Amino acid sequence: MSRQLLVPVDGSPLSKRALERAFEEYDDASIVALHVLDPTDPGYSSPTNVDVRNEPPHGSEEWYERANEEEEKIFDDARDLASEYGEELNTETAVGEPALEIVDYAEENEIDHIVIGSHGRMEATRLMLGSVTELVVHRSPVSVTVVRD
């Protein structure tokens, strides 16, 4: 039975690097790209530049439609990357607080390892890791590889 890897993706360059690392170092693993749609994030849980004054009202049906469109772009890019490595990629979606959803997915789906990008926010308490990554590292039931700049 092959290893099950989880790679959270949000469309950022660091999540792409984490996915690349997973393909390069774990070529015998089954890889799941997980996108977490955070309903509290007006930016559609992706690095898309948005002016919230011109976007659908946050939490509206139109907002969720736009968020799903962004997610499809993220998954399309992830699948393209998988193709470059000659690999298969499973994609999954969760809705909620990203760190908690990532940990819950790992617990509920027999994940053996998480590979995650860290944005390394510069707040005093987040000097080394981004807040989502920090929570995943501390709460994960499995080992975590952190990919940084």
N, C-alpha and C. Protein backbone atom coordinates (compact mmCIF):
# COMPACT_ATOMS: atom_id res chain seq x y z
N MET A 1 0.84 -1.18 0.00
CA MET A 1 0.00 0.00 0.00
C MET A 1 0.89 1.25 0.00
N SER A 2 0.60 2.17 -0.90
CA SER A 2 1.44 3.36 -0.99
C SER A 2 1.08 4.35 0.11
N ARG A 3 2.02 5.23 0.36
CA ARG A 3 1.80 6.29 1.35
C ARG A 3 0.78 7.27 0.82
N GLN A 4 0.05 7.88 1.74
CA GLN A 4 -0.95 8.89 1.41
C GLN A 4 -0.42 10.25 1.88
N LEU A 5 -0.16 11.15 0.93
CA LEU A 5 0.32 12.48 1.27
C LEU A 5 -0.78 13.50 1.07
N LEU A 6 -0.82 14.49 1.95
CA LEU A 6 -1.76 15.59 1.83
C LEU A 6 -0.96 16.87 1.60
N VAL A 7 -1.34 17.61 0.55
CA VAL A 7 -0.70 18.88 0.26
C VAL A 7 -1.79 19.95 0.17
N PRO A 8 -1.90 20.80 1.18
CA PRO A 8 -2.87 21.89 1.09
C PRO A 8 -2.46 22.87 -0.01
N VAL A 9 -3.41 23.28 -0.85
CA VAL A 9 -3.11 24.21 -1.94
C VAL A 9 -4.05 25.41 -1.88
N ASP A 10 -3.47 26.58 -2.13
CA ASP A 10 -4.27 27.79 -2.17
C ASP A 10 -3.95 28.65 -3.39
N GLY A 11 -3.14 28.12 -4.29
CA GLY A 11 -2.78 28.87 -5.49
C GLY A 11 -1.57 29.76 -5.32
N SER A 12 -1.00 29.81 -4.14
CA SER A 12 0.17 30.65 -3.90
C SER A 12 1.43 29.95 -4.41
N PRO A 13 2.49 30.73 -4.66
CA PRO A 13 3.75 30.11 -5.08
C PRO A 13 4.27 29.08 -4.07
N LEU A 14 4.06 29.32 -2.78
CA LEU A 14 4.54 28.37 -1.78
C LEU A 14 3.74 27.07 -1.77
N SER A 15 2.46 27.14 -2.05
CA SER A 15 1.71 25.88 -2.11
C SER A 15 2.13 25.11 -3.36
N LYS A 16 2.47 25.82 -4.43
CA LYS A 16 2.99 25.14 -5.63
C LYS A 16 4.33 24.48 -5.31
N ARG A 17 5.19 25.17 -4.58
CA ARG A 17 6.48 24.57 -4.20
C ARG A 17 6.28 23.34 -3.32
N ALA A 18 5.31 23.39 -2.44
CA ALA A 18 5.03 22.23 -1.58
C ALA A 18 4.58 21.05 -2.43
N LEU A 19 3.75 21.31 -3.43
CA LEU A 19 3.29 20.25 -4.31
C LEU A 19 4.45 19.69 -5.14
N GLU A 20 5.31 20.58 -5.63
CA GLU A 20 6.51 20.13 -6.36
C GLU A 20 7.37 19.24 -5.47
N ARG A 21 7.57 19.65 -4.22
CA ARG A 21 8.38 18.88 -3.28
C ARG A 21 7.77 17.49 -3.07
N ALA A 22 6.46 17.45 -2.95
CA ALA A 22 5.78 16.16 -2.76
C ALA A 22 6.02 15.25 -3.97
N PHE A 23 5.91 15.78 -5.17
CA PHE A 23 6.14 14.96 -6.37
C PHE A 23 7.59 14.52 -6.48
N GLU A 24 8.52 15.41 -6.12
CA GLU A 24 9.95 15.10 -6.24
C GLU A 24 10.43 14.09 -5.21
N GLU A 25 9.97 14.23 -3.98
CA GLU A 25 10.51 13.41 -2.89
C GLU A 25 9.68 12.20 -2.53
N TYR A 26 8.43 12.16 -2.98
CA TYR A 26 7.54 11.07 -2.60
C TYR A 26 6.87 10.50 -3.84
N ASP A 27 7.68 10.10 -4.82
CA ASP A 27 7.13 9.65 -6.09
C ASP A 27 6.38 8.32 -5.98
N ASP A 28 6.49 7.65 -4.85
CA ASP A 28 5.76 6.40 -4.66
C ASP A 28 4.46 6.61 -3.88
N ALA A 29 4.11 7.85 -3.59
CA ALA A 29 2.95 8.14 -2.75
C ALA A 29 1.74 8.54 -3.59
N SER A 30 0.59 8.35 -2.99
CA SER A 30 -0.65 8.88 -3.53
C SER A 30 -0.82 10.27 -2.92
N ILE A 31 -0.99 11.28 -3.77
CA ILE A 31 -1.02 12.66 -3.29
C ILE A 31 -2.41 13.26 -3.45
N VAL A 32 -2.87 13.89 -2.37
CA VAL A 32 -4.15 14.59 -2.37
C VAL A 32 -3.86 16.08 -2.21
N ALA A 33 -4.37 16.88 -3.15
CA ALA A 33 -4.29 18.34 -3.03
C ALA A 33 -5.61 18.79 -2.39
N LEU A 34 -5.50 19.43 -1.24
CA LEU A 34 -6.68 19.89 -0.51
C LEU A 34 -6.75 21.40 -0.54
N HIS A 35 -7.89 21.92 -1.01
CA HIS A 35 -8.13 23.36 -0.94
C HIS A 35 -9.21 23.60 0.10
N VAL A 36 -8.92 24.51 1.03
CA VAL A 36 -9.89 24.83 2.06
C VAL A 36 -10.46 26.21 1.77
N LEU A 37 -11.74 26.25 1.56
CA LEU A 37 -12.44 27.51 1.36
C LEU A 37 -12.84 28.05 2.73
N ASP A 38 -12.22 29.16 3.08
CA ASP A 38 -12.48 29.79 4.38
C ASP A 38 -13.59 30.82 4.20
N PRO A 39 -14.77 30.57 4.72
CA PRO A 39 -15.88 31.50 4.51
C PRO A 39 -15.66 32.87 5.15
N THR A 40 -14.64 33.02 5.98
CA THR A 40 -14.36 34.33 6.57
C THR A 40 -13.35 35.13 5.74
N ASP A 41 -12.83 34.53 4.66
CA ASP A 41 -11.82 35.19 3.83
C ASP A 41 -12.48 35.82 2.61
N PRO A 42 -12.57 37.15 2.56
CA PRO A 42 -13.22 37.79 1.41
C PRO A 42 -12.45 37.59 0.11
N GLY A 43 -11.20 37.12 0.18
CA GLY A 43 -10.38 36.93 -1.02
C GLY A 43 -10.51 35.56 -1.63
N TYR A 44 -11.58 34.83 -1.35
CA TYR A 44 -11.86 33.53 -1.96
C TYR A 44 -10.84 32.46 -1.61
N SER A 45 -10.10 32.63 -0.53
CA SER A 45 -9.11 31.63 -0.08
C SER A 45 -8.09 31.32 -1.16
N SER A 46 -7.71 32.34 -1.89
CA SER A 46 -6.70 32.23 -2.94
C SER A 46 -5.94 33.55 -2.99
N PRO A 47 -4.79 33.55 -3.69
CA PRO A 47 -4.01 34.80 -3.73
C PRO A 47 -4.51 35.81 -4.76
N THR A 48 -5.74 35.66 -5.21
CA THR A 48 -6.33 36.58 -6.17
C THR A 48 -6.44 37.97 -5.56
N ASN A 49 -6.03 38.97 -6.32
CA ASN A 49 -6.20 40.35 -5.85
C ASN A 49 -7.66 40.73 -6.04
N VAL A 50 -8.31 41.08 -4.94
CA VAL A 50 -9.71 41.47 -5.03
C VAL A 50 -9.90 42.82 -4.35
N ASP A 51 -10.79 43.58 -4.91
CA ASP A 51 -11.26 44.81 -4.27
C ASP A 51 -12.66 44.47 -3.80
N VAL A 52 -12.81 44.25 -2.50
CA VAL A 52 -14.08 43.78 -1.98
C VAL A 52 -15.23 44.73 -2.29
N ARG A 53 -14.92 45.97 -2.62
CA ARG A 53 -15.99 46.91 -2.98
C ARG A 53 -16.63 46.54 -4.30
N ASN A 54 -15.90 45.78 -5.16
CA ASN A 54 -16.41 45.42 -6.47
C ASN A 54 -16.79 43.95 -6.59
N GLU A 55 -16.71 43.22 -5.52
CA GLU A 55 -16.99 41.79 -5.53
C GLU A 55 -18.40 41.53 -5.01
N PRO A 56 -18.92 40.32 -5.26
CA PRO A 56 -20.24 39.99 -4.69
C PRO A 56 -20.19 40.07 -3.17
N PRO A 57 -21.33 40.32 -2.55
CA PRO A 57 -21.36 40.39 -1.09
C PRO A 57 -20.80 39.10 -0.47
N HIS A 58 -19.93 39.27 0.50
CA HIS A 58 -19.28 38.13 1.15
C HIS A 58 -20.32 37.19 1.72
N GLY A 59 -20.17 35.89 1.39
CA GLY A 59 -21.09 34.88 1.89
C GLY A 59 -22.32 34.67 1.03
N SER A 60 -22.49 35.51 -0.01
CA SER A 60 -23.65 35.36 -0.88
C SER A 60 -23.45 34.18 -1.84
N GLU A 61 -24.52 33.79 -2.49
CA GLU A 61 -24.43 32.71 -3.48
C GLU A 61 -23.43 33.08 -4.58
N GLU A 62 -23.44 34.32 -5.00
CA GLU A 62 -22.50 34.77 -6.04
C GLU A 62 -21.06 34.70 -5.55
N TRP A 63 -20.86 35.03 -4.26
CA TRP A 63 -19.51 34.96 -3.69
C TRP A 63 -19.01 33.52 -3.73
N TYR A 64 -19.86 32.56 -3.33
CA TYR A 64 -19.47 31.15 -3.34
C TYR A 64 -19.22 30.66 -4.77
N GLU A 65 -19.99 31.14 -5.73
CA GLU A 65 -19.75 30.77 -7.13
C GLU A 65 -18.37 31.25 -7.56
N ARG A 66 -18.03 32.48 -7.22
CA ARG A 66 -16.71 33.03 -7.56
C ARG A 66 -15.60 32.25 -6.85
N ALA A 67 -15.83 31.90 -5.58
CA ALA A 67 -14.85 31.11 -4.83
C ALA A 67 -14.64 29.76 -5.50
N ASN A 68 -15.70 29.13 -5.97
CA ASN A 68 -15.58 27.84 -6.66
C ASN A 68 -14.83 27.98 -7.97
N GLU A 69 -15.02 29.09 -8.69
CA GLU A 69 -14.26 29.34 -9.92
C GLU A 69 -12.77 29.46 -9.61
N GLU A 70 -12.44 30.18 -8.54
CA GLU A 70 -11.04 30.32 -8.13
C GLU A 70 -10.45 28.96 -7.76
N GLU A 71 -11.24 28.18 -7.06
CA GLU A 71 -10.78 26.85 -6.66
C GLU A 71 -10.49 25.98 -7.89
N GLU A 72 -11.34 26.05 -8.89
CA GLU A 72 -11.11 25.25 -10.10
C GLU A 72 -9.79 25.66 -10.78
N LYS A 73 -9.48 26.95 -10.77
CA LYS A 73 -8.20 27.41 -11.32
C LYS A 73 -7.04 26.81 -10.52
N ILE A 74 -7.17 26.81 -9.20
CA ILE A 74 -6.13 26.25 -8.34
C ILE A 74 -5.94 24.77 -8.66
N PHE A 75 -7.03 24.03 -8.77
CA PHE A 75 -6.95 22.59 -9.06
C PHE A 75 -6.44 22.34 -10.48
N ASP A 76 -6.84 23.17 -11.44
CA ASP A 76 -6.32 23.01 -12.81
C ASP A 76 -4.81 23.18 -12.82
N ASP A 77 -4.30 24.19 -12.13
CA ASP A 77 -2.85 24.40 -12.05
C ASP A 77 -2.16 23.23 -11.37
N ALA A 78 -2.78 22.71 -10.30
CA ALA A 78 -2.20 21.57 -9.58
C ALA A 78 -2.16 20.33 -10.48
N ARG A 79 -3.23 20.10 -11.24
CA ARG A 79 -3.26 18.96 -12.16
C ARG A 79 -2.22 19.12 -13.27
N ASP A 80 -2.05 20.35 -13.77
CA ASP A 80 -1.02 20.60 -14.79
C ASP A 80 0.36 20.28 -14.23
N LEU A 81 0.62 20.68 -13.00
CA LEU A 81 1.90 20.37 -12.36
C LEU A 81 2.08 18.87 -12.22
N ALA A 82 1.03 18.17 -11.80
CA ALA A 82 1.10 16.71 -11.68
C ALA A 82 1.45 16.09 -13.03
N SER A 83 0.87 16.60 -14.09
CA SER A 83 1.16 16.08 -15.43
C SER A 83 2.63 16.27 -15.80
N GLU A 84 3.20 17.40 -15.41
CA GLU A 84 4.62 17.65 -15.69
C GLU A 84 5.50 16.60 -15.03
N TYR A 85 5.07 16.07 -13.89
CA TYR A 85 5.81 15.04 -13.18
C TYR A 85 5.36 13.64 -13.57
N GLY A 86 4.38 13.56 -14.47
CA GLY A 86 3.85 12.26 -14.87
C GLY A 86 3.11 11.57 -13.74
N GLU A 87 2.50 12.34 -12.88
CA GLU A 87 1.83 11.80 -11.69
C GLU A 87 0.33 12.05 -11.75
N GLU A 88 -0.38 11.25 -10.98
CA GLU A 88 -1.82 11.44 -10.77
C GLU A 88 -1.99 12.33 -9.54
N LEU A 89 -3.11 13.02 -9.49
CA LEU A 89 -3.38 13.88 -8.34
C LEU A 89 -4.86 13.82 -8.01
N ASN A 90 -5.15 13.56 -6.76
CA ASN A 90 -6.53 13.62 -6.28
C ASN A 90 -6.75 15.01 -5.69
N THR A 91 -7.92 15.56 -5.91
CA THR A 91 -8.23 16.88 -5.36
C THR A 91 -9.44 16.77 -4.44
N GLU A 92 -9.39 17.52 -3.36
CA GLU A 92 -10.47 17.54 -2.38
C GLU A 92 -10.70 18.97 -1.91
N THR A 93 -11.91 19.21 -1.48
CA THR A 93 -12.31 20.52 -0.97
C THR A 93 -12.86 20.38 0.44
N ALA A 94 -12.57 21.37 1.27
CA ALA A 94 -13.17 21.46 2.59
C ALA A 94 -13.58 22.92 2.79
N VAL A 95 -14.53 23.13 3.66
CA VAL A 95 -14.98 24.48 3.98
C VAL A 95 -14.84 24.67 5.48
N GLY A 96 -14.13 25.74 5.85
CA GLY A 96 -13.96 26.03 7.27
C GLY A 96 -12.65 26.73 7.53
N GLU A 97 -12.21 26.67 8.77
CA GLU A 97 -10.94 27.28 9.16
C GLU A 97 -9.82 26.39 8.62
N PRO A 98 -8.92 26.94 7.80
CA PRO A 98 -7.95 26.09 7.08
C PRO A 98 -7.14 25.13 7.94
N ALA A 99 -6.52 25.59 9.01
CA ALA A 99 -5.67 24.69 9.80
C ALA A 99 -6.48 23.53 10.37
N LEU A 100 -7.64 23.82 10.89
CA LEU A 100 -8.46 22.77 11.48
C LEU A 100 -8.94 21.78 10.42
N GLU A 101 -9.32 22.29 9.26
CA GLU A 101 -9.79 21.41 8.18
C GLU A 101 -8.66 20.51 7.67
N ILE A 102 -7.46 21.04 7.60
CA ILE A 102 -6.31 20.24 7.15
C ILE A 102 -6.04 19.11 8.14
N VAL A 103 -6.01 19.43 9.41
CA VAL A 103 -5.77 18.42 10.44
C VAL A 103 -6.90 17.40 10.46
N ASP A 104 -8.13 17.87 10.38
CA ASP A 104 -9.28 16.95 10.36
C ASP A 104 -9.21 16.01 9.16
N TYR A 105 -8.86 16.55 8.00
CA TYR A 105 -8.77 15.71 6.80
C TYR A 105 -7.71 14.63 7.00
N ALA A 106 -6.58 15.01 7.55
CA ALA A 106 -5.51 14.03 7.78
C ALA A 106 -5.97 12.93 8.73
N GLU A 107 -6.68 13.31 9.77
CA GLU A 107 -7.16 12.33 10.76
C GLU A 107 -8.21 11.39 10.17
N GLU A 108 -9.09 11.93 9.35
CA GLU A 108 -10.23 11.17 8.85
C GLU A 108 -9.94 10.36 7.59
N ASN A 109 -8.79 10.56 6.96
CA ASN A 109 -8.54 9.94 5.67
C ASN A 109 -7.23 9.16 5.59
N GLU A 110 -6.74 8.69 6.70
CA GLU A 110 -5.55 7.85 6.72
C GLU A 110 -4.35 8.47 5.98
N ILE A 111 -4.15 9.76 6.20
CA ILE A 111 -3.01 10.46 5.62
C ILE A 111 -1.77 10.10 6.44
N ASP A 112 -0.65 9.83 5.74
CA ASP A 112 0.60 9.46 6.41
C ASP A 112 1.53 10.64 6.63
N HIS A 113 1.36 11.70 5.83
CA HIS A 113 2.32 12.81 5.87
C HIS A 113 1.66 14.03 5.23
N ILE A 114 1.98 15.21 5.74
CA ILE A 114 1.50 16.47 5.17
C ILE A 114 2.71 17.25 4.69
N VAL A 115 2.61 17.81 3.48
CA VAL A 115 3.63 18.70 2.94
C VAL A 115 2.93 20.04 2.72
N ILE A 116 3.41 21.07 3.42
CA ILE A 116 2.70 22.36 3.41
C ILE A 116 3.68 23.51 3.22
N GLY A 117 3.26 24.50 2.47
CA GLY A 117 4.04 25.72 2.31
C GLY A 117 3.80 26.65 3.47
N SER A 118 4.80 27.42 3.82
CA SER A 118 4.67 28.39 4.90
C SER A 118 4.97 29.77 4.37
N HIS A 119 4.05 30.67 4.61
CA HIS A 119 4.24 32.05 4.17
C HIS A 119 5.10 32.85 5.12
N GLY A 120 5.36 32.33 6.31
CA GLY A 120 6.26 32.98 7.25
C GLY A 120 5.87 34.40 7.56
N ARG A 121 4.66 34.62 8.01
CA ARG A 121 4.21 35.98 8.37
C ARG A 121 5.20 36.60 9.36
N MET A 122 5.31 37.89 9.33
CA MET A 122 6.32 38.55 10.13
C MET A 122 5.82 39.05 11.48
N GLU A 123 4.62 38.63 11.91
CA GLU A 123 4.18 38.99 13.25
C GLU A 123 5.15 38.36 14.25
N ALA A 124 5.27 38.93 15.41
CA ALA A 124 6.22 38.43 16.40
C ALA A 124 6.01 36.96 16.71
N THR A 125 4.76 36.53 16.86
CA THR A 125 4.50 35.12 17.19
C THR A 125 4.53 34.22 15.96
N ARG A 126 4.61 34.78 14.78
CA ARG A 126 4.57 34.00 13.55
C ARG A 126 5.86 34.17 12.75
N LEU A 127 6.96 34.47 13.45
CA LEU A 127 8.21 34.77 12.77
C LEU A 127 8.72 33.62 11.92
N MET A 128 8.58 32.39 12.40
CA MET A 128 9.12 31.25 11.67
C MET A 128 8.13 30.60 10.72
N LEU A 129 6.86 30.56 11.08
CA LEU A 129 5.85 29.88 10.27
C LEU A 129 4.63 30.77 10.11
N GLY A 130 3.87 30.55 9.03
CA GLY A 130 2.59 31.22 8.88
C GLY A 130 1.63 30.66 9.91
N SER A 131 0.58 31.39 10.21
CA SER A 131 -0.33 30.96 11.26
C SER A 131 -1.00 29.63 10.95
N VAL A 132 -1.43 29.39 9.71
CA VAL A 132 -2.05 28.11 9.36
C VAL A 132 -1.02 27.00 9.51
N THR A 133 0.16 27.20 8.97
CA THR A 133 1.20 26.18 9.05
C THR A 133 1.55 25.88 10.50
N GLU A 134 1.67 26.92 11.31
CA GLU A 134 2.01 26.72 12.72
C GLU A 134 0.98 25.82 13.41
N LEU A 135 -0.29 26.10 13.19
CA LEU A 135 -1.33 25.28 13.81
C LEU A 135 -1.32 23.84 13.29
N VAL A 136 -1.09 23.68 11.99
CA VAL A 136 -1.04 22.33 11.42
C VAL A 136 0.12 21.55 12.04
N VAL A 137 1.29 22.18 12.12
CA VAL A 137 2.47 21.51 12.68
C VAL A 137 2.20 21.07 14.12
N HIS A 138 1.56 21.92 14.90
CA HIS A 138 1.33 21.60 16.31
C HIS A 138 0.19 20.63 16.55
N ARG A 139 -0.77 20.55 15.64
CA ARG A 139 -1.95 19.71 15.88
C ARG A 139 -2.00 18.46 15.01
N SER A 140 -1.12 18.36 14.04
CA SER A 140 -1.19 17.25 13.10
C SER A 140 -0.95 15.90 13.77
N PRO A 141 -1.75 14.91 13.37
CA PRO A 141 -1.54 13.57 13.90
C PRO A 141 -0.43 12.82 13.16
N VAL A 142 0.11 13.44 12.10
CA VAL A 142 1.16 12.81 11.29
C VAL A 142 2.31 13.79 11.11
N SER A 143 3.43 13.31 10.59
CA SER A 143 4.57 14.20 10.38
C SER A 143 4.26 15.22 9.28
N VAL A 144 4.91 16.37 9.41
CA VAL A 144 4.66 17.49 8.50
C VAL A 144 5.99 17.99 7.96
N THR A 145 6.06 18.14 6.65
CA THR A 145 7.21 18.80 6.01
C THR A 145 6.78 20.21 5.65
N VAL A 146 7.55 21.20 6.10
CA VAL A 146 7.25 22.60 5.84
C VAL A 146 8.18 23.10 4.75
N VAL A 147 7.60 23.66 3.70
CA VAL A 147 8.36 24.21 2.58
C VAL A 147 8.31 25.72 2.71
N ARG A 148 9.49 26.33 2.75
CA ARG A 148 9.58 27.79 2.91
C ARG A 148 10.28 28.40 1.72
N ASP A 149 10.25 29.72 1.69
CA ASP A 149 10.97 30.46 0.63
C ASP A 149 12.40 30.06 0.57
